[in-house]
Amino acid sequence: MTQTRRIAPDPEWVLMYKRGMATQKIASAAGVAGSVVRYHLAIAAKQDPGIREEHKAALPVSPQRLTAAGRWNLEDVLAFYKTEGRLPIFSRSAREKARCGCIDAVRTQRRAPSPLPTLTPWT
């Protein structure tokens, strides 16, 4: 395997990093190990201390992590804590049980005996 000797820091990698690209993506695009890219970026950070701030500023805004179901669950836990003075142990809240009532109906239907005839074992 032939190794290309690069002058550190590689200006192309530094530019990609400044534009918000992750080090592993830079490494896979260049076909080198991630440690090589991090080595080059460490040298670039010594020369230009503001490189890390530029990278963080260029990162895309992360989406909101709290979903609607998570928010409902949080509201249920807070309401339970307000009324009971303790956190719930393992049981679902009444609000969630009401939401999942249709699932319970499906479960009972599945448990009901089938109207189809069953096979008899071979004798």
PDB file of N, CA and C in Angstrom:
ATOM      1  N   MET A   1       0.846  -1.170   0.000  1.00  0.00           N
ATOM      2  CA  MET A   1       0.000   0.000   0.000  1.00  0.00           C
ATOM      3  C   MET A   1       0.889   1.229   0.000  1.00  0.00           C
ATOM      4  N   THR A   2       0.653   2.108  -0.912  1.00  0.00           N
ATOM      5  CA  THR A   2       1.472   3.314  -0.999  1.00  0.00           C
ATOM      6  C   THR A   2       0.866   4.410  -0.152  1.00  0.00           C
ATOM      7  N   GLN A   3       1.693   5.030   0.626  1.00  0.00           N
ATOM      8  CA  GLN A   3       1.258   6.126   1.486  1.00  0.00           C
ATOM      9  C   GLN A   3       1.685   7.443   0.849  1.00  0.00           C
ATOM     10  N   THR A   4       0.788   8.382   0.776  1.00  0.00           N
ATOM     11  CA  THR A   4       1.117   9.707   0.280  1.00  0.00           C
ATOM     12  C   THR A   4       1.547  10.554   1.458  1.00  0.00           C
ATOM     13  N   ARG A   5       2.703  11.138   1.318  1.00  0.00           N
ATOM     14  CA  ARG A   5       3.195  11.992   2.390  1.00  0.00           C
ATOM     15  C   ARG A   5       2.615  13.385   2.191  1.00  0.00           C
ATOM     16  N   ARG A   6       1.930  13.876   3.192  1.00  0.00           N
ATOM     17  CA  ARG A   6       1.273  15.181   3.098  1.00  0.00           C
ATOM     18  C   ARG A   6       1.970  16.171   4.010  1.00  0.00           C
ATOM     19  N   ILE A   7       1.978  17.402   3.581  1.00  0.00           N
ATOM     20  CA  ILE A   7       2.517  18.468   4.420  1.00  0.00           C
ATOM     21  C   ILE A   7       1.417  18.859   5.398  1.00  0.00           C
ATOM     22  N   ALA A   8       1.758  18.828   6.683  1.00  0.00           N
ATOM     23  CA  ALA A   8       0.760  19.126   7.713  1.00  0.00           C
ATOM     24  C   ALA A   8       0.787  20.604   8.042  1.00  0.00           C
ATOM     25  N   PRO A   9      -0.331  21.220   8.202  1.00  0.00           N
ATOM     26  CA  PRO A   9      -1.696  20.728   8.030  1.00  0.00           C
ATOM     27  C   PRO A   9      -2.136  20.797   6.573  1.00  0.00           C
ATOM     28  N   ASP A  10      -2.912  19.837   6.171  1.00  0.00           N
ATOM     29  CA  ASP A  10      -3.435  19.803   4.809  1.00  0.00           C
ATOM     30  C   ASP A  10      -4.474  20.915   4.675  1.00  0.00           C
ATOM     31  N   PRO A  11      -4.256  21.876   3.765  1.00  0.00           N
ATOM     32  CA  PRO A  11      -5.181  23.020   3.677  1.00  0.00           C
ATOM     33  C   PRO A  11      -6.605  22.629   3.269  1.00  0.00           C
ATOM     34  N   GLU A  12      -6.731  21.578   2.461  1.00  0.00           N
ATOM     35  CA  GLU A  12      -8.068  21.147   2.048  1.00  0.00           C
ATOM     36  C   GLU A  12      -8.851  20.604   3.243  1.00  0.00           C
ATOM     37  N   TRP A  13      -8.198  19.822   4.091  1.00  0.00           N
ATOM     38  CA  TRP A  13      -8.859  19.267   5.263  1.00  0.00           C
ATOM     39  C   TRP A  13      -9.225  20.361   6.254  1.00  0.00           C
ATOM     40  N   VAL A  14      -8.339  21.340   6.391  1.00  0.00           N
ATOM     41  CA  VAL A  14      -8.610  22.455   7.302  1.00  0.00           C
ATOM     42  C   VAL A  14      -9.832  23.230   6.820  1.00  0.00           C
ATOM     43  N   LEU A  15      -9.920  23.454   5.507  1.00  0.00           N
ATOM     44  CA  LEU A  15     -11.067  24.174   4.948  1.00  0.00           C
ATOM     45  C   LEU A  15     -12.361  23.381   5.156  1.00  0.00           C
ATOM     46  N   MET A  16     -12.301  22.063   4.928  1.00  0.00           N
ATOM     47  CA  MET A  16     -13.493  21.229   5.152  1.00  0.00           C
ATOM     48  C   MET A  16     -13.926  21.296   6.614  1.00  0.00           C
ATOM     49  N   TYR A  17     -12.953  21.240   7.520  1.00  0.00           N
ATOM     50  CA  TYR A  17     -13.254  21.284   8.954  1.00  0.00           C
ATOM     51  C   TYR A  17     -13.861  22.626   9.334  1.00  0.00           C
ATOM     52  N   LYS A  18     -13.323  23.708   8.777  1.00  0.00           N
ATOM     53  CA  LYS A  18     -13.856  25.044   9.074  1.00  0.00           C
ATOM     54  C   LYS A  18     -15.288  25.197   8.583  1.00  0.00           C
ATOM     55  N   ARG A  19     -15.656  24.453   7.551  1.00  0.00           N
ATOM     56  CA  ARG A  19     -17.011  24.534   7.006  1.00  0.00           C
ATOM     57  C   ARG A  19     -17.981  23.597   7.711  1.00  0.00           C
ATOM     58  N   GLY A  20     -17.520  22.926   8.785  1.00  0.00           N
ATOM     59  CA  GLY A  20     -18.422  22.127   9.604  1.00  0.00           C
ATOM     60  C   GLY A  20     -18.435  20.644   9.319  1.00  0.00           C
ATOM     61  N   MET A  21     -17.533  20.154   8.504  1.00  0.00           N
ATOM     62  CA  MET A  21     -17.496  18.727   8.190  1.00  0.00           C
ATOM     63  C   MET A  21     -16.819  17.964   9.326  1.00  0.00           C
ATOM     64  N   ALA A  22     -17.361  16.823   9.693  1.00  0.00           N
ATOM     65  CA  ALA A  22     -16.812  16.003  10.775  1.00  0.00           C
ATOM     66  C   ALA A  22     -15.499  15.369  10.337  1.00  0.00           C
ATOM     67  N   THR A  23     -14.633  15.102  11.315  1.00  0.00           N
ATOM     68  CA  THR A  23     -13.311  14.556  10.995  1.00  0.00           C
ATOM     69  C   THR A  23     -13.409  13.178  10.345  1.00  0.00           C
ATOM     70  N   GLN A  24     -14.358  12.356  10.759  1.00  0.00           N
ATOM     71  CA  GLN A  24     -14.496  11.028  10.156  1.00  0.00           C
ATOM     72  C   GLN A  24     -14.957  11.115   8.708  1.00  0.00           C
ATOM     73  N   LYS A  25     -15.791  12.094   8.390  1.00  0.00           N
ATOM     74  CA  LYS A  25     -16.217  12.268   7.000  1.00  0.00           C
ATOM     75  C   LYS A  25     -15.065  12.760   6.140  1.00  0.00           C
ATOM     76  N   ILE A  26     -14.244  13.638   6.696  1.00  0.00           N
ATOM     77  CA  ILE A  26     -13.058  14.102   5.972  1.00  0.00           C
ATOM     78  C   ILE A  26     -12.131  12.923   5.720  1.00  0.00           C
ATOM     79  N   ALA A  27     -11.943  12.087   6.730  1.00  0.00           N
ATOM     80  CA  ALA A  27     -11.057  10.929   6.600  1.00  0.00           C
ATOM     81  C   ALA A  27     -11.567   9.947   5.551  1.00  0.00           C
ATOM     82  N   SER A  28     -12.858   9.678   5.552  1.00  0.00           N
ATOM     83  CA  SER A  28     -13.391   8.730   4.571  1.00  0.00           C
ATOM     84  C   SER A  28     -13.342   9.312   3.164  1.00  0.00           C
ATOM     85  N   ALA A  29     -13.541  10.616   3.023  1.00  0.00           N
ATOM     86  CA  ALA A  29     -13.455  11.245   1.704  1.00  0.00           C
ATOM     87  C   ALA A  29     -12.022  11.231   1.177  1.00  0.00           C
ATOM     88  N   ALA A  30     -11.052  11.387   2.075  1.00  0.00           N
ATOM     89  CA  ALA A  30      -9.646  11.409   1.669  1.00  0.00           C
ATOM     90  C   ALA A  30      -9.039  10.017   1.607  1.00  0.00           C
ATOM     91  N   GLY A  31      -9.704   9.029   2.182  1.00  0.00           N
ATOM     92  CA  GLY A  31      -9.194   7.669   2.176  1.00  0.00           C
ATOM     93  C   GLY A  31      -8.058   7.441   3.153  1.00  0.00           C
ATOM     94  N   VAL A  32      -8.096   8.148   4.273  1.00  0.00           N
ATOM     95  CA  VAL A  32      -7.066   8.001   5.304  1.00  0.00           C
ATOM     96  C   VAL A  32      -7.741   7.700   6.636  1.00  0.00           C
ATOM     97  N   ALA A  33      -6.927   7.378   7.623  1.00  0.00           N
ATOM     98  CA  ALA A  33      -7.448   7.110   8.958  1.00  0.00           C
ATOM     99  C   ALA A  33      -7.880   8.409   9.626  1.00  0.00           C
ATOM    100  N   GLY A  34      -8.836   8.304  10.518  1.00  0.00           N
ATOM    101  CA  GLY A  34      -9.320   9.483  11.232  1.00  0.00           C
ATOM    102  C   GLY A  34      -8.247  10.129  12.081  1.00  0.00           C
ATOM    103  N   SER A  35      -7.324   9.321  12.609  1.00  0.00           N
ATOM    104  CA  SER A  35      -6.244   9.873  13.435  1.00  0.00           C
ATOM    105  C   SER A  35      -5.327  10.781  12.626  1.00  0.00           C
ATOM    106  N   VAL A  36      -5.161  10.498  11.333  1.00  0.00           N
ATOM    107  CA  VAL A  36      -4.323  11.341  10.473  1.00  0.00           C
ATOM    108  C   VAL A  36      -4.963  12.715  10.325  1.00  0.00           C
ATOM    109  N   VAL A  37      -6.266  12.737  10.089  1.00  0.00           N
ATOM    110  CA  VAL A  37      -6.974  14.015   9.942  1.00  0.00           C
ATOM    111  C   VAL A  37      -6.920  14.791  11.252  1.00  0.00           C
ATOM    112  N   ARG A  38      -7.145  14.112  12.380  1.00  0.00           N
ATOM    113  CA  ARG A  38      -7.089  14.796  13.673  1.00  0.00           C
ATOM    114  C   ARG A  38      -5.695  15.344  13.957  1.00  0.00           C
ATOM    115  N   TYR A  39      -4.651  14.629  13.529  1.00  0.00           N
ATOM    116  CA  TYR A  39      -3.274  15.109  13.685  1.00  0.00           C
ATOM    117  C   TYR A  39      -3.085  16.409  12.909  1.00  0.00           C
ATOM    118  N   HIS A  40      -3.536  16.434  11.673  1.00  0.00           N
ATOM    119  CA  HIS A  40      -3.417  17.634  10.844  1.00  0.00           C
ATOM    120  C   HIS A  40      -4.206  18.792  11.450  1.00  0.00           C
ATOM    121  N   LEU A  41      -5.386  18.498  11.961  1.00  0.00           N
ATOM    122  CA  LEU A  41      -6.211  19.557  12.544  1.00  0.00           C
ATOM    123  C   LEU A  41      -5.628  20.060  13.861  1.00  0.00           C
ATOM    124  N   ALA A  42      -4.943  19.205  14.604  1.00  0.00           N
ATOM    125  CA  ALA A  42      -4.292  19.654  15.839  1.00  0.00           C
ATOM    126  C   ALA A  42      -3.168  20.628  15.518  1.00  0.00           C
ATOM    127  N   ILE A  43      -2.422  20.349  14.464  1.00  0.00           N
ATOM    128  CA  ILE A  43      -1.361  21.272  14.041  1.00  0.00           C
ATOM    129  C   ILE A  43      -1.976  22.582  13.555  1.00  0.00           C
ATOM    130  N   ALA A  44      -3.075  22.490  12.812  1.00  0.00           N
ATOM    131  CA  ALA A  44      -3.749  23.700  12.334  1.00  0.00           C
ATOM    132  C   ALA A  44      -4.300  24.512  13.495  1.00  0.00           C
ATOM    133  N   ALA A  45      -4.759  23.842  14.556  1.00  0.00           N
ATOM    134  CA  ALA A  45      -5.299  24.548  15.722  1.00  0.00           C
ATOM    135  C   ALA A  45      -4.196  25.289  16.468  1.00  0.00           C
ATOM    136  N   LYS A  46      -2.981  24.763  16.435  1.00  0.00           N
ATOM    137  CA  LYS A  46      -1.861  25.479  17.056  1.00  0.00           C
ATOM    138  C   LYS A  46      -1.531  26.742  16.276  1.00  0.00           C
ATOM    139  N   GLN A  47      -1.648  26.669  14.945  1.00  0.00           N
ATOM    140  CA  GLN A  47      -1.353  27.825  14.103  1.00  0.00           C
ATOM    141  C   GLN A  47      -2.488  28.845  14.128  1.00  0.00           C
ATOM    142  N   ASP A  48      -3.721  28.354  14.157  1.00  0.00           N
ATOM    143  CA  ASP A  48      -4.905  29.222  14.156  1.00  0.00           C
ATOM    144  C   ASP A  48      -5.837  28.759  15.273  1.00  0.00           C
ATOM    145  N   PRO A  49      -5.740  29.367  16.468  1.00  0.00           N
ATOM    146  CA  PRO A  49      -6.553  28.902  17.601  1.00  0.00           C
ATOM    147  C   PRO A  49      -8.068  29.028  17.397  1.00  0.00           C
ATOM    148  N   GLY A  50      -8.524  29.835  16.465  1.00  0.00           N
ATOM    149  CA  GLY A  50      -9.958  30.029  16.260  1.00  0.00           C
ATOM    150  C   GLY A  50     -10.612  28.994  15.373  1.00  0.00           C
ATOM    151  N   ILE A  51      -9.863  27.979  14.954  1.00  0.00           N
ATOM    152  CA  ILE A  51     -10.411  26.988  14.022  1.00  0.00           C
ATOM    153  C   ILE A  51     -11.553  26.184  14.642  1.00  0.00           C
ATOM    154  N   ARG A  52     -11.460  25.870  15.912  1.00  0.00           N
ATOM    155  CA  ARG A  52     -12.505  25.073  16.576  1.00  0.00           C
ATOM    156  C   ARG A  52     -13.813  25.868  16.674  1.00  0.00           C
ATOM    157  N   GLU A  53     -13.703  27.165  16.967  1.00  0.00           N
ATOM    158  CA  GLU A  53     -14.907  28.003  17.042  1.00  0.00           C
ATOM    159  C   GLU A  53     -15.554  28.137  15.668  1.00  0.00           C
ATOM    160  N   GLU A  54     -14.730  28.256  14.614  1.00  0.00           N
ATOM    161  CA  GLU A  54     -15.283  28.329  13.257  1.00  0.00           C
ATOM    162  C   GLU A  54     -16.019  27.037  12.914  1.00  0.00           C
ATOM    163  N   HIS A  55     -15.448  25.911  13.325  1.00  0.00           N
ATOM    164  CA  HIS A  55     -16.083  24.613  13.064  1.00  0.00           C
ATOM    165  C   HIS A  55     -17.431  24.524  13.780  1.00  0.00           C
ATOM    166  N   LYS A  56     -17.461  24.921  15.045  1.00  0.00           N
ATOM    167  CA  LYS A  56     -18.712  24.854  15.814  1.00  0.00           C
ATOM    168  C   LYS A  56     -19.766  25.796  15.246  1.00  0.00           C
ATOM    169  N   ALA A  57     -19.325  26.970  14.776  1.00  0.00           N
ATOM    170  CA  ALA A  57     -20.275  27.927  14.204  1.00  0.00           C
ATOM    171  C   ALA A  57     -20.838  27.429  12.880  1.00  0.00           C
ATOM    172  N   ALA A  58     -20.069  26.630  12.148  1.00  0.00           N
ATOM    173  CA  ALA A  58     -20.511  26.146  10.840  1.00  0.00           C
ATOM    174  C   ALA A  58     -21.370  24.893  10.927  1.00  0.00           C
ATOM    175  N   LEU A  59     -21.437  24.272  12.097  1.00  0.00           N
ATOM    176  CA  LEU A  59     -22.240  23.059  12.237  1.00  0.00           C
ATOM    177  C   LEU A  59     -23.716  23.375  12.033  1.00  0.00           C
ATOM    178  N   PRO A  60     -24.471  22.461  11.407  1.00  0.00           N
ATOM    179  CA  PRO A  60     -25.903  22.701  11.243  1.00  0.00           C
ATOM    180  C   PRO A  60     -26.610  22.646  12.591  1.00  0.00           C
ATOM    181  N   VAL A  61     -27.712  23.359  12.687  1.00  0.00           N
ATOM    182  CA  VAL A  61     -28.489  23.386  13.921  1.00  0.00           C
ATOM    183  C   VAL A  61     -29.124  22.016  14.117  1.00  0.00           C
ATOM    184  N   SER A  62     -28.954  21.459  15.298  1.00  0.00           N
ATOM    185  CA  SER A  62     -29.522  20.140  15.567  1.00  0.00           C
ATOM    186  C   SER A  62     -31.033  20.265  15.758  1.00  0.00           C
ATOM    187  N   PRO A  63     -31.787  19.251  15.307  1.00  0.00           N
ATOM    188  CA  PRO A  63     -33.238  19.308  15.461  1.00  0.00           C
ATOM    189  C   PRO A  63     -33.638  19.156  16.922  1.00  0.00           C
ATOM    190  N   GLN A  64     -34.866  19.577  17.212  1.00  0.00           N
ATOM    191  CA  GLN A  64     -35.388  19.457  18.566  1.00  0.00           C
ATOM    192  C   GLN A  64     -35.501  17.980  18.923  1.00  0.00           C
ATOM    193  N   ARG A  65     -34.979  17.609  20.081  1.00  0.00           N
ATOM    194  CA  ARG A  65     -34.931  16.203  20.457  1.00  0.00           C
ATOM    195  C   ARG A  65     -36.169  15.754  21.220  1.00  0.00           C
ATOM    196  N   LEU A  66     -36.948  16.669  21.754  1.00  0.00           N
ATOM    197  CA  LEU A  66     -38.121  16.290  22.533  1.00  0.00           C
ATOM    198  C   LEU A  66     -39.311  16.123  21.591  1.00  0.00           C
ATOM    199  N   THR A  67     -39.839  14.931  21.525  1.00  0.00           N
ATOM    200  CA  THR A  67     -40.981  14.658  20.660  1.00  0.00           C
ATOM    201  C   THR A  67     -42.281  14.949  21.408  1.00  0.00           C
ATOM    202  N   ALA A  68     -43.376  14.896  20.687  1.00  0.00           N
ATOM    203  CA  ALA A  68     -44.679  15.142  21.310  1.00  0.00           C
ATOM    204  C   ALA A  68     -44.983  14.072  22.359  1.00  0.00           C
ATOM    205  N   ALA A  69     -44.669  12.822  22.045  1.00  0.00           N
ATOM    206  CA  ALA A  69     -44.911  11.745  23.014  1.00  0.00           C
ATOM    207  C   ALA A  69     -44.032  11.923  24.246  1.00  0.00           C
ATOM    208  N   GLY A  70     -42.807  12.355  24.038  1.00  0.00           N
ATOM    209  CA  GLY A  70     -41.917  12.598  25.169  1.00  0.00           C
ATOM    210  C   GLY A  70     -42.400  13.739  26.041  1.00  0.00           C
ATOM    211  N   ARG A  71     -42.955  14.766  25.402  1.00  0.00           N
ATOM    212  CA  ARG A  71     -43.491  15.901  26.152  1.00  0.00           C
ATOM    213  C   ARG A  71     -44.693  15.471  26.981  1.00  0.00           C
ATOM    214  N   TRP A  72     -45.566  14.624  26.392  1.00  0.00           N
ATOM    215  CA  TRP A  72     -46.727  14.119  27.140  1.00  0.00           C
ATOM    216  C   TRP A  72     -46.268  13.309  28.342  1.00  0.00           C
ATOM    217  N   ASN A  73     -45.267  12.474  28.125  1.00  0.00           N
ATOM    218  CA  ASN A  73     -44.760  11.654  29.219  1.00  0.00           C
ATOM    219  C   ASN A  73     -44.181  12.533  30.320  1.00  0.00           C
ATOM    220  N   LEU A  74     -43.454  13.569  29.941  1.00  0.00           N
ATOM    221  CA  LEU A  74     -42.891  14.485  30.929  1.00  0.00           C
ATOM    222  C   LEU A  74     -43.997  15.180  31.709  1.00  0.00           C
ATOM    223  N   GLU A  75     -45.049  15.620  31.021  1.00  0.00           N
ATOM    224  CA  GLU A  75     -46.176  16.258  31.703  1.00  0.00           C
ATOM    225  C   GLU A  75     -46.837  15.288  32.678  1.00  0.00           C
ATOM    226  N   ASP A  76     -46.985  14.033  32.264  1.00  0.00           N
ATOM    227  CA  ASP A  76     -47.578  13.023  33.142  1.00  0.00           C
ATOM    228  C   ASP A  76     -46.734  12.803  34.391  1.00  0.00           C
ATOM    229  N   VAL A  77     -45.434  12.711  34.213  1.00  0.00           N
ATOM    230  CA  VAL A  77     -44.546  12.475  35.355  1.00  0.00           C
ATOM    231  C   VAL A  77     -44.576  13.666  36.298  1.00  0.00           C
ATOM    232  N   LEU A  78     -44.557  14.878  35.750  1.00  0.00           N
ATOM    233  CA  LEU A  78     -44.596  16.073  36.598  1.00  0.00           C
ATOM    234  C   LEU A  78     -45.920  16.181  37.347  1.00  0.00           C
ATOM    235  N   ALA A  79     -47.027  15.860  36.669  1.00  0.00           N
ATOM    236  CA  ALA A  79     -48.335  15.895  37.338  1.00  0.00           C
ATOM    237  C   ALA A  79     -48.406  14.839  38.437  1.00  0.00           C
ATOM    238  N   PHE A  80     -47.878  13.664  38.170  1.00  0.00           N
ATOM    239  CA  PHE A  80     -47.858  12.603  39.179  1.00  0.00           C
ATOM    240  C   PHE A  80     -47.023  13.027  40.379  1.00  0.00           C
ATOM    241  N   TYR A  81     -45.874  13.625  40.110  1.00  0.00           N
ATOM    242  CA  TYR A  81     -44.996  14.060  41.197  1.00  0.00           C
ATOM    243  C   TYR A  81     -45.660  15.158  42.024  1.00  0.00           C
ATOM    244  N   LYS A  82     -46.403  16.035  41.344  1.00  0.00           N
ATOM    245  CA  LYS A  82     -47.078  17.132  42.052  1.00  0.00           C
ATOM    246  C   LYS A  82     -48.173  16.599  42.971  1.00  0.00           C
ATOM    247  N   THR A  83     -48.919  15.585  42.524  1.00  0.00           N
ATOM    248  CA  THR A  83     -50.020  15.063  43.338  1.00  0.00           C
ATOM    249  C   THR A  83     -49.557  14.049  44.374  1.00  0.00           C
ATOM    250  N   GLU A  84     -48.637  13.156  44.008  1.00  0.00           N
ATOM    251  CA  GLU A  84     -48.228  12.067  44.895  1.00  0.00           C
ATOM    252  C   GLU A  84     -47.002  12.396  45.735  1.00  0.00           C
ATOM    253  N   GLY A  85     -46.199  13.344  45.283  1.00  0.00           N
ATOM    254  CA  GLY A  85     -44.985  13.686  46.018  1.00  0.00           C
ATOM    255  C   GLY A  85     -43.845  12.702  45.809  1.00  0.00           C
ATOM    256  N   ARG A  86     -43.964  11.857  44.796  1.00  0.00           N
ATOM    257  CA  ARG A  86     -42.908  10.894  44.474  1.00  0.00           C
ATOM    258  C   ARG A  86     -42.944  10.626  42.975  1.00  0.00           C
ATOM    259  N   LEU A  87     -41.896  10.009  42.479  1.00  0.00           N
ATOM    260  CA  LEU A  87     -41.851   9.657  41.068  1.00  0.00           C
ATOM    261  C   LEU A  87     -42.545   8.324  40.846  1.00  0.00           C
ATOM    262  N   PRO A  88     -43.143   8.120  39.679  1.00  0.00           N
ATOM    263  CA  PRO A  88     -43.780   6.835  39.405  1.00  0.00           C
ATOM    264  C   PRO A  88     -42.733   5.725  39.320  1.00  0.00           C
ATOM    265  N   ILE A  89     -43.148   4.524  39.696  1.00  0.00           N
ATOM    266  CA  ILE A  89     -42.193   3.416  39.730  1.00  0.00           C
ATOM    267  C   ILE A  89     -42.144   2.697  38.386  1.00  0.00           C
ATOM    268  N   PHE A  90     -43.238   2.088  37.972  1.00  0.00           N
ATOM    269  CA  PHE A  90     -43.189   1.320  36.731  1.00  0.00           C
ATOM    270  C   PHE A  90     -44.484   1.392  35.946  1.00  0.00           C
ATOM    271  N   SER A  91     -45.564   1.799  36.552  1.00  0.00           N
ATOM    272  CA  SER A  91     -46.871   1.759  35.916  1.00  0.00           C
ATOM    273  C   SER A  91     -47.050   2.945  34.982  1.00  0.00           C
ATOM    274  N   ARG A  92     -47.829   2.732  33.924  1.00  0.00           N
ATOM    275  CA  ARG A  92     -48.148   3.834  33.030  1.00  0.00           C
ATOM    276  C   ARG A  92     -49.155   4.764  33.696  1.00  0.00           C
ATOM    277  N   SER A  93     -49.150   6.001  33.278  1.00  0.00           N
ATOM    278  CA  SER A  93     -50.081   6.971  33.844  1.00  0.00           C
ATOM    279  C   SER A  93     -51.485   6.727  33.290  1.00  0.00           C
ATOM    280  N   ALA A  94     -52.464   7.303  33.945  1.00  0.00           N
ATOM    281  CA  ALA A  94     -53.853   7.135  33.510  1.00  0.00           C
ATOM    282  C   ALA A  94     -54.063   7.750  32.134  1.00  0.00           C
ATOM    283  N   ARG A  95     -53.368   8.848  31.875  1.00  0.00           N
ATOM    284  CA  ARG A  95     -53.504   9.514  30.580  1.00  0.00           C
ATOM    285  C   ARG A  95     -52.999   8.610  29.458  1.00  0.00           C
ATOM    286  N   GLU A  96     -51.880   7.958  29.686  1.00  0.00           N
ATOM    287  CA  GLU A  96     -51.341   7.073  28.662  1.00  0.00           C
ATOM    288  C   GLU A  96     -52.185   5.815  28.527  1.00  0.00           C
ATOM    289  N   LYS A  97     -52.731   5.326  29.633  1.00  0.00           N
ATOM    290  CA  LYS A  97     -53.602   4.158  29.565  1.00  0.00           C
ATOM    291  C   LYS A  97     -54.842   4.472  28.738  1.00  0.00           C
ATOM    292  N   ALA A  98     -55.363   5.691  28.875  1.00  0.00           N
ATOM    293  CA  ALA A  98     -56.528   6.087  28.091  1.00  0.00           C
ATOM    294  C   ALA A  98     -56.176   6.157  26.610  1.00  0.00           C
ATOM    295  N   ARG A  99     -54.961   6.642  26.315  1.00  0.00           N
ATOM    296  CA  ARG A  99     -54.513   6.714  24.930  1.00  0.00           C
ATOM    297  C   ARG A  99     -54.322   5.326  24.338  1.00  0.00           C
ATOM    298  N   CYS A 100     -53.912   4.376  25.138  1.00  0.00           N
ATOM    299  CA  CYS A 100     -53.591   3.035  24.654  1.00  0.00           C
ATOM    300  C   CYS A 100     -54.744   2.066  24.844  1.00  0.00           C
ATOM    301  N   GLY A 101     -55.933   2.548  25.126  1.00  0.00           N
ATOM    302  CA  GLY A 101     -57.070   1.661  25.327  1.00  0.00           C
ATOM    303  C   GLY A 101     -57.384   0.834  24.103  1.00  0.00           C
ATOM    304  N   CYS A 102     -57.144   1.411  22.921  1.00  0.00           N
ATOM    305  CA  CYS A 102     -57.432   0.672  21.701  1.00  0.00           C
ATOM    306  C   CYS A 102     -56.481  -0.511  21.550  1.00  0.00           C
ATOM    307  N   ILE A 103     -55.260  -0.380  22.024  1.00  0.00           N
ATOM    308  CA  ILE A 103     -54.300  -1.481  21.943  1.00  0.00           C
ATOM    309  C   ILE A 103     -54.748  -2.625  22.842  1.00  0.00           C
ATOM    310  N   ASP A 104     -55.276  -2.293  24.012  1.00  0.00           N
ATOM    311  CA  ASP A 104     -55.767  -3.337  24.911  1.00  0.00           C
ATOM    312  C   ASP A 104     -56.926  -4.104  24.284  1.00  0.00           C
ATOM    313  N   ALA A 105     -57.778  -3.399  23.544  1.00  0.00           N
ATOM    314  CA  ALA A 105     -58.895  -4.069  22.875  1.00  0.00           C
ATOM    315  C   ALA A 105     -58.379  -5.044  21.819  1.00  0.00           C
ATOM    316  N   VAL A 106     -57.350  -4.659  21.105  1.00  0.00           N
ATOM    317  CA  VAL A 106     -56.767  -5.546  20.093  1.00  0.00           C
ATOM    318  C   VAL A 106     -56.159  -6.771  20.760  1.00  0.00           C
ATOM    319  N   ARG A 107     -55.513  -6.572  21.882  1.00  0.00           N
ATOM    320  CA  ARG A 107     -54.904  -7.704  22.593  1.00  0.00           C
ATOM    321  C   ARG A 107     -55.965  -8.713  23.034  1.00  0.00           C
ATOM    322  N   THR A 108     -57.097  -8.217  23.545  1.00  0.00           N
ATOM    323  CA  THR A 108     -58.140  -9.144  23.990  1.00  0.00           C
ATOM    324  C   THR A 108     -58.758  -9.871  22.805  1.00  0.00           C
ATOM    325  N   GLN A 109     -58.871  -9.212  21.656  1.00  0.00           N
ATOM    326  CA  GLN A 109     -59.393  -9.877  20.465  1.00  0.00           C
ATOM    327  C   GLN A 109     -58.459 -10.995  20.021  1.00  0.00           C
ATOM    328  N   ARG A 110     -57.172 -10.767  20.133  1.00  0.00           N
ATOM    329  CA  ARG A 110     -56.210 -11.787  19.728  1.00  0.00           C
ATOM    330  C   ARG A 110     -56.258 -12.993  20.660  1.00  0.00           C
ATOM    331  N   ARG A 111     -56.580 -12.751  21.917  1.00  0.00           N
ATOM    332  CA  ARG A 111     -56.632 -13.846  22.883  1.00  0.00           C
ATOM    333  C   ARG A 111     -57.915 -14.668  22.756  1.00  0.00           C
ATOM    334  N   ALA A 112     -58.929 -14.111  22.108  1.00  0.00           N
ATOM    335  CA  ALA A 112     -60.206 -14.816  21.967  1.00  0.00           C
ATOM    336  C   ALA A 112     -60.001 -16.071  21.119  1.00  0.00           C
ATOM    337  N   PRO A 113     -60.753 -17.128  21.409  1.00  0.00           N
ATOM    338  CA  PRO A 113     -60.594 -18.359  20.615  1.00  0.00           C
ATOM    339  C   PRO A 113     -61.020 -18.129  19.172  1.00  0.00           C
ATOM    340  N   SER A 114     -60.323 -18.784  18.296  1.00  0.00           N
ATOM    341  CA  SER A 114     -60.581 -18.619  16.873  1.00  0.00           C
ATOM    342  C   SER A 114     -61.850 -19.372  16.477  1.00  0.00           C
ATOM    343  N   PRO A 115     -62.698 -18.800  15.605  1.00  0.00           N
ATOM    344  CA  PRO A 115     -63.905 -19.506  15.163  1.00  0.00           C
ATOM    345  C   PRO A 115     -63.572 -20.612  14.160  1.00  0.00           C
ATOM    346  N   LEU A 116     -62.348 -20.622  13.629  1.00  0.00           N
ATOM    347  CA  LEU A 116     -61.967 -21.643  12.659  1.00  0.00           C
ATOM    348  C   LEU A 116     -61.720 -22.972  13.367  1.00  0.00           C
ATOM    349  N   PRO A 117     -61.999 -24.085  12.697  1.00  0.00           N
ATOM    350  CA  PRO A 117     -61.740 -25.384  13.333  1.00  0.00           C
ATOM    351  C   PRO A 117     -60.234 -25.615  13.463  1.00  0.00           C
ATOM    352  N   THR A 118     -59.887 -26.339  14.494  1.00  0.00           N
ATOM    353  CA  THR A 118     -58.475 -26.639  14.718  1.00  0.00           C
ATOM    354  C   THR A 118     -58.137 -27.986  14.104  1.00  0.00           C
ATOM    355  N   LEU A 119     -56.886 -28.184  13.824  1.00  0.00           N
ATOM    356  CA  LEU A 119     -56.440 -29.458  13.262  1.00  0.00           C
ATOM    357  C   LEU A 119     -56.362 -30.501  14.366  1.00  0.00           C
ATOM    358  N   THR A 120     -56.728 -31.703  14.028  1.00  0.00           N
ATOM    359  CA  THR A 120     -56.622 -32.779  15.012  1.00  0.00           C
ATOM    360  C   THR A 120     -55.264 -33.444  14.854  1.00  0.00           C
ATOM    361  N   PRO A 121     -54.683 -33.885  15.946  1.00  0.00           N
ATOM    362  CA  PRO A 121     -53.374 -34.538  15.832  1.00  0.00           C
ATOM    363  C   PRO A 121     -53.499 -35.899  15.158  1.00  0.00           C
ATOM    364  N   TRP A 122     -52.449 -36.344  14.518  1.00  0.00           N
ATOM    365  CA  TRP A 122     -52.428 -37.657  13.853  1.00  0.00           C
ATOM    366  C   TRP A 122     -52.479 -38.760  14.892  1.00  0.00           C
ATOM    367  N   THR A 123     -53.231 -39.737  14.612  1.00  0.00           N
ATOM    368  CA  THR A 123     -53.331 -40.858  15.550  1.00  0.00           C
ATOM    369  C   THR A 123     -52.668 -42.090  14.999  1.00  0.00           C
TER     370      THR A 123
END
